[in-house]
Amino acid sequence: MIVAGPTVLFETAVRGYLAKKWSPLFFWFVAAGLAYWSLAIGLLVLDIALKFRE
């Protein structure tokens, strides 16, 4: 869930937004949070890769 979580939650957010169940403000708030989550995962992967390189 840690790696696949942002994709699954973003799909849920898009479906909710398109079905008019979610407000635009809430959709963009969730999208920004998921972008941050994805950035953190990417930085963690890069950190681990650099540790193995040494």
PDB file of N, CA and C in Angstrom:
ATOM      1  N   MET A   1       0.826  -1.197   0.000  1.00  0.00           N
ATOM      2  CA  MET A   1       0.000   0.000   0.000  1.00  0.00           C
ATOM      3  C   MET A   1       0.867   1.256   0.000  1.00  0.00           C
ATOM      4  N   ILE A   2       2.063   1.164   0.525  1.00  0.00           N
ATOM      5  CA  ILE A   2       2.906   2.362   0.590  1.00  0.00           C
ATOM      6  C   ILE A   2       3.277   2.840  -0.802  1.00  0.00           C
ATOM      7  N   VAL A   3       3.630   1.910  -1.698  1.00  0.00           N
ATOM      8  CA  VAL A   3       4.042   2.300  -3.045  1.00  0.00           C
ATOM      9  C   VAL A   3       2.831   2.489  -3.957  1.00  0.00           C
ATOM     10  N   ALA A   4       1.865   1.600  -3.889  1.00  0.00           N
ATOM     11  CA  ALA A   4       0.694   1.676  -4.766  1.00  0.00           C
ATOM     12  C   ALA A   4      -0.361   2.648  -4.243  1.00  0.00           C
ATOM     13  N   GLY A   5      -0.244   3.062  -2.999  1.00  0.00           N
ATOM     14  CA  GLY A   5      -1.250   3.922  -2.379  1.00  0.00           C
ATOM     15  C   GLY A   5      -1.569   5.194  -3.127  1.00  0.00           C
ATOM     16  N   PRO A   6      -0.544   5.976  -3.546  1.00  0.00           N
ATOM     17  CA  PRO A   6      -0.866   7.222  -4.249  1.00  0.00           C
ATOM     18  C   PRO A   6      -1.670   6.998  -5.527  1.00  0.00           C
ATOM     19  N   THR A   7      -1.348   5.949  -6.257  1.00  0.00           N
ATOM     20  CA  THR A   7      -2.068   5.673  -7.504  1.00  0.00           C
ATOM     21  C   THR A   7      -3.519   5.290  -7.232  1.00  0.00           C
ATOM     22  N   VAL A   8      -3.718   4.436  -6.261  1.00  0.00           N
ATOM     23  CA  VAL A   8      -5.074   3.993  -5.923  1.00  0.00           C
ATOM     24  C   VAL A   8      -5.903   5.166  -5.396  1.00  0.00           C
ATOM     25  N   LEU A   9      -5.335   5.955  -4.516  1.00  0.00           N
ATOM     26  CA  LEU A   9      -6.082   7.092  -3.963  1.00  0.00           C
ATOM     27  C   LEU A   9      -6.345   8.166  -5.007  1.00  0.00           C
ATOM     28  N   PHE A  10      -5.403   8.378  -5.925  1.00  0.00           N
ATOM     29  CA  PHE A  10      -5.636   9.366  -6.978  1.00  0.00           C
ATOM     30  C   PHE A  10      -6.751   8.908  -7.911  1.00  0.00           C
ATOM     31  N   GLU A  11      -6.793   7.612  -8.197  1.00  0.00           N
ATOM     32  CA  GLU A  11      -7.885   7.091  -9.028  1.00  0.00           C
ATOM     33  C   GLU A  11      -9.236   7.316  -8.338  1.00  0.00           C
ATOM     34  N   THR A  12      -9.286   7.088  -7.046  1.00  0.00           N
ATOM     35  CA  THR A  12     -10.515   7.329  -6.283  1.00  0.00           C
ATOM     36  C   THR A  12     -10.893   8.806  -6.315  1.00  0.00           C
ATOM     37  N   ALA A  13      -9.893   9.678  -6.183  1.00  0.00           N
ATOM     38  CA  ALA A  13     -10.161  11.117  -6.210  1.00  0.00           C
ATOM     39  C   ALA A  13     -10.689  11.558  -7.570  1.00  0.00           C
ATOM     40  N   VAL A  14     -10.105  11.043  -8.632  1.00  0.00           N
ATOM     41  CA  VAL A  14     -10.560  11.413  -9.976  1.00  0.00           C
ATOM     42  C   VAL A  14     -11.982  10.930 -10.214  1.00  0.00           C
ATOM     43  N   ARG A  15     -12.263   9.707  -9.814  1.00  0.00           N
ATOM     44  CA  ARG A  15     -13.628   9.198  -9.990  1.00  0.00           C
ATOM     45  C   ARG A  15     -14.641  10.017  -9.191  1.00  0.00           C
ATOM     46  N   GLY A  16     -14.274  10.362  -7.969  1.00  0.00           N
ATOM     47  CA  GLY A  16     -15.168  11.183  -7.148  1.00  0.00           C
ATOM     48  C   GLY A  16     -15.372  12.566  -7.727  1.00  0.00           C
ATOM     49  N   TYR A  17     -14.305  13.150  -8.261  1.00  0.00           N
ATOM     50  CA  TYR A  17     -14.408  14.488  -8.860  1.00  0.00           C
ATOM     51  C   TYR A  17     -15.268  14.460 -10.119  1.00  0.00           C
ATOM     52  N   LEU A  18     -15.047  13.454 -10.962  1.00  0.00           N
ATOM     53  CA  LEU A  18     -15.832  13.364 -12.198  1.00  0.00           C
ATOM     54  C   LEU A  18     -17.304  13.050 -11.933  1.00  0.00           C
ATOM     55  N   ALA A  19     -17.575  12.319 -10.855  1.00  0.00           N
ATOM     56  CA  ALA A  19     -18.960  11.994 -10.507  1.00  0.00           C
ATOM     57  C   ALA A  19     -19.613  13.123  -9.700  1.00  0.00           C
ATOM     58  N   LYS A  20     -18.878  14.227  -9.502  1.00  0.00           N
ATOM     59  CA  LYS A  20     -19.369  15.400  -8.763  1.00  0.00           C
ATOM     60  C   LYS A  20     -19.657  15.082  -7.290  1.00  0.00           C
ATOM     61  N   LYS A  21     -18.978  14.058  -6.747  1.00  0.00           N
ATOM     62  CA  LYS A  21     -19.118  13.740  -5.336  1.00  0.00           C
ATOM     63  C   LYS A  21     -18.095  14.506  -4.496  1.00  0.00           C
ATOM     64  N   TRP A  22     -17.017  14.933  -5.121  1.00  0.00           N
ATOM     65  CA  TRP A  22     -15.949  15.661  -4.426  1.00  0.00           C
ATOM     66  C   TRP A  22     -15.907  17.088  -4.951  1.00  0.00           C
ATOM     67  N   SER A  23     -15.671  18.022  -4.063  1.00  0.00           N
ATOM     68  CA  SER A  23     -15.522  19.414  -4.489  1.00  0.00           C
ATOM     69  C   SER A  23     -14.146  19.594  -5.128  1.00  0.00           C
ATOM     70  N   PRO A  24     -13.997  20.580  -6.011  1.00  0.00           N
ATOM     71  CA  PRO A  24     -12.686  20.821  -6.637  1.00  0.00           C
ATOM     72  C   PRO A  24     -11.591  21.123  -5.607  1.00  0.00           C
ATOM     73  N   LEU A  25     -11.941  21.859  -4.555  1.00  0.00           N
ATOM     74  CA  LEU A  25     -10.950  22.188  -3.531  1.00  0.00           C
ATOM     75  C   LEU A  25     -10.445  20.929  -2.842  1.00  0.00           C
ATOM     76  N   PHE A  26     -11.333  20.032  -2.473  1.00  0.00           N
ATOM     77  CA  PHE A  26     -10.933  18.793  -1.814  1.00  0.00           C
ATOM     78  C   PHE A  26     -10.121  17.913  -2.763  1.00  0.00           C
ATOM     79  N   PHE A  27     -10.524  17.850  -4.038  1.00  0.00           N
ATOM     80  CA  PHE A  27      -9.773  17.062  -5.018  1.00  0.00           C
ATOM     81  C   PHE A  27      -8.334  17.555  -5.114  1.00  0.00           C
ATOM     82  N   TRP A  28      -8.129  18.869  -5.243  1.00  0.00           N
ATOM     83  CA  TRP A  28      -6.776  19.402  -5.383  1.00  0.00           C
ATOM     84  C   TRP A  28      -5.983  19.276  -4.089  1.00  0.00           C
ATOM     85  N   PHE A  29      -6.638  19.342  -2.955  1.00  0.00           N
ATOM     86  CA  PHE A  29      -5.969  19.118  -1.687  1.00  0.00           C
ATOM     87  C   PHE A  29      -5.430  17.690  -1.619  1.00  0.00           C
ATOM     88  N   VAL A  30      -6.242  16.729  -2.010  1.00  0.00           N
ATOM     89  CA  VAL A  30      -5.815  15.326  -2.027  1.00  0.00           C
ATOM     90  C   VAL A  30      -4.718  15.121  -3.072  1.00  0.00           C
ATOM     91  N   ALA A  31      -4.856  15.728  -4.239  1.00  0.00           N
ATOM     92  CA  ALA A  31      -3.836  15.585  -5.287  1.00  0.00           C
ATOM     93  C   ALA A  31      -2.486  16.135  -4.824  1.00  0.00           C
ATOM     94  N   ALA A  32      -2.493  17.255  -4.111  1.00  0.00           N
ATOM     95  CA  ALA A  32      -1.241  17.830  -3.594  1.00  0.00           C
ATOM     96  C   ALA A  32      -0.620  16.917  -2.542  1.00  0.00           C
ATOM     97  N   GLY A  33      -1.429  16.358  -1.683  1.00  0.00           N
ATOM     98  CA  GLY A  33      -0.927  15.415  -0.676  1.00  0.00           C
ATOM     99  C   GLY A  33      -0.332  14.169  -1.304  1.00  0.00           C
ATOM    100  N   LEU A  34      -0.976  13.677  -2.338  1.00  0.00           N
ATOM    101  CA  LEU A  34      -0.469  12.491  -3.020  1.00  0.00           C
ATOM    102  C   LEU A  34       0.810  12.781  -3.796  1.00  0.00           C
ATOM    103  N   ALA A  35       0.935  13.985  -4.337  1.00  0.00           N
ATOM    104  CA  ALA A  35       2.177  14.368  -5.009  1.00  0.00           C
ATOM    105  C   ALA A  35       3.330  14.398  -4.004  1.00  0.00           C
ATOM    106  N   TYR A  36       3.063  14.915  -2.810  1.00  0.00           N
ATOM    107  CA  TYR A  36       4.084  14.943  -1.773  1.00  0.00           C
ATOM    108  C   TYR A  36       4.463  13.519  -1.354  1.00  0.00           C
ATOM    109  N   TRP A  37       3.465  12.650  -1.223  1.00  0.00           N
ATOM    110  CA  TRP A  37       3.698  11.253  -0.864  1.00  0.00           C
ATOM    111  C   TRP A  37       4.569  10.587  -1.923  1.00  0.00           C
ATOM    112  N   SER A  38       4.277  10.819  -3.194  1.00  0.00           N
ATOM    113  CA  SER A  38       5.068  10.237  -4.283  1.00  0.00           C
ATOM    114  C   SER A  38       6.498  10.775  -4.276  1.00  0.00           C
ATOM    115  N   LEU A  39       6.652  12.055  -3.978  1.00  0.00           N
ATOM    116  CA  LEU A  39       7.992  12.637  -3.880  1.00  0.00           C
ATOM    117  C   LEU A  39       8.786  11.969  -2.766  1.00  0.00           C
ATOM    118  N   ALA A  40       8.161  11.757  -1.626  1.00  0.00           N
ATOM    119  CA  ALA A  40       8.837  11.118  -0.500  1.00  0.00           C
ATOM    120  C   ALA A  40       9.271   9.693  -0.851  1.00  0.00           C
ATOM    121  N   ILE A  41       8.419   8.962  -1.555  1.00  0.00           N
ATOM    122  CA  ILE A  41       8.778   7.599  -1.974  1.00  0.00           C
ATOM    123  C   ILE A  41       9.963   7.644  -2.931  1.00  0.00           C
ATOM    124  N   GLY A  42       9.945   8.561  -3.879  1.00  0.00           N
ATOM    125  CA  GLY A  42      11.041   8.681  -4.832  1.00  0.00           C
ATOM    126  C   GLY A  42      12.357   9.042  -4.158  1.00  0.00           C
ATOM    127  N   LEU A  43      12.309   9.966  -3.198  1.00  0.00           N
ATOM    128  CA  LEU A  43      13.523  10.337  -2.477  1.00  0.00           C
ATOM    129  C   LEU A  43      14.048   9.181  -1.638  1.00  0.00           C
ATOM    130  N   LEU A  44      13.155   8.395  -1.061  1.00  0.00           N
ATOM    131  CA  LEU A  44      13.569   7.226  -0.297  1.00  0.00           C
ATOM    132  C   LEU A  44      14.253   6.198  -1.195  1.00  0.00           C
ATOM    133  N   VAL A  45      13.696   5.963  -2.367  1.00  0.00           N
ATOM    134  CA  VAL A  45      14.297   5.013  -3.316  1.00  0.00           C
ATOM    135  C   VAL A  45      15.670   5.501  -3.761  1.00  0.00           C
ATOM    136  N   LEU A  46      15.785   6.793  -4.048  1.00  0.00           N
ATOM    137  CA  LEU A  46      17.103   7.339  -4.439  1.00  0.00           C
ATOM    138  C   LEU A  46      18.113   7.227  -3.303  1.00  0.00           C
ATOM    139  N   ASP A  47      17.690   7.474  -2.084  1.00  0.00           N
ATOM    140  CA  ASP A  47      18.586   7.365  -0.939  1.00  0.00           C
ATOM    141  C   ASP A  47      19.084   5.932  -0.777  1.00  0.00           C
ATOM    142  N   ILE A  48      18.186   4.984  -0.896  1.00  0.00           N
ATOM    143  CA  ILE A  48      18.585   3.567  -0.787  1.00  0.00           C
ATOM    144  C   ILE A  48      19.523   3.184  -1.924  1.00  0.00           C
ATOM    145  N   ALA A  49      19.232   3.631  -3.128  1.00  0.00           N
ATOM    146  CA  ALA A  49      20.094   3.315  -4.273  1.00  0.00           C
ATOM    147  C   ALA A  49      21.485   3.892  -4.080  1.00  0.00           C
ATOM    148  N   LEU A  50      21.576   5.102  -3.555  1.00  0.00           N
ATOM    149  CA  LEU A  50      22.888   5.719  -3.328  1.00  0.00           C
ATOM    150  C   LEU A  50      23.649   5.016  -2.201  1.00  0.00           C
ATOM    151  N   LYS A  51      22.953   4.481  -1.218  1.00  0.00           N
ATOM    152  CA  LYS A  51      23.614   3.739  -0.137  1.00  0.00           C
ATOM    153  C   LYS A  51      24.247   2.453  -0.679  1.00  0.00           C
ATOM    154  N   PHE A  52      23.552   1.791  -1.610  1.00  0.00           N
ATOM    155  CA  PHE A  52      24.078   0.559  -2.193  1.00  0.00           C
ATOM    156  C   PHE A  52      25.235   0.837  -3.146  1.00  0.00           C
ATOM    157  N   ARG A  53      25.277   2.028  -3.693  1.00  0.00           N
ATOM    158  CA  ARG A  53      26.338   2.391  -4.654  1.00  0.00           C
ATOM    159  C   ARG A  53      27.682   2.545  -3.968  1.00  0.00           C
ATOM    160  N   GLU A  54      27.670   2.960  -2.713  1.00  0.00           N
ATOM    161  CA  GLU A  54      28.918   3.232  -1.997  1.00  0.00           C
ATOM    162  C   GLU A  54      29.696   1.994  -1.715  1.00  0.00           C
TER     163      GLU A  54
END
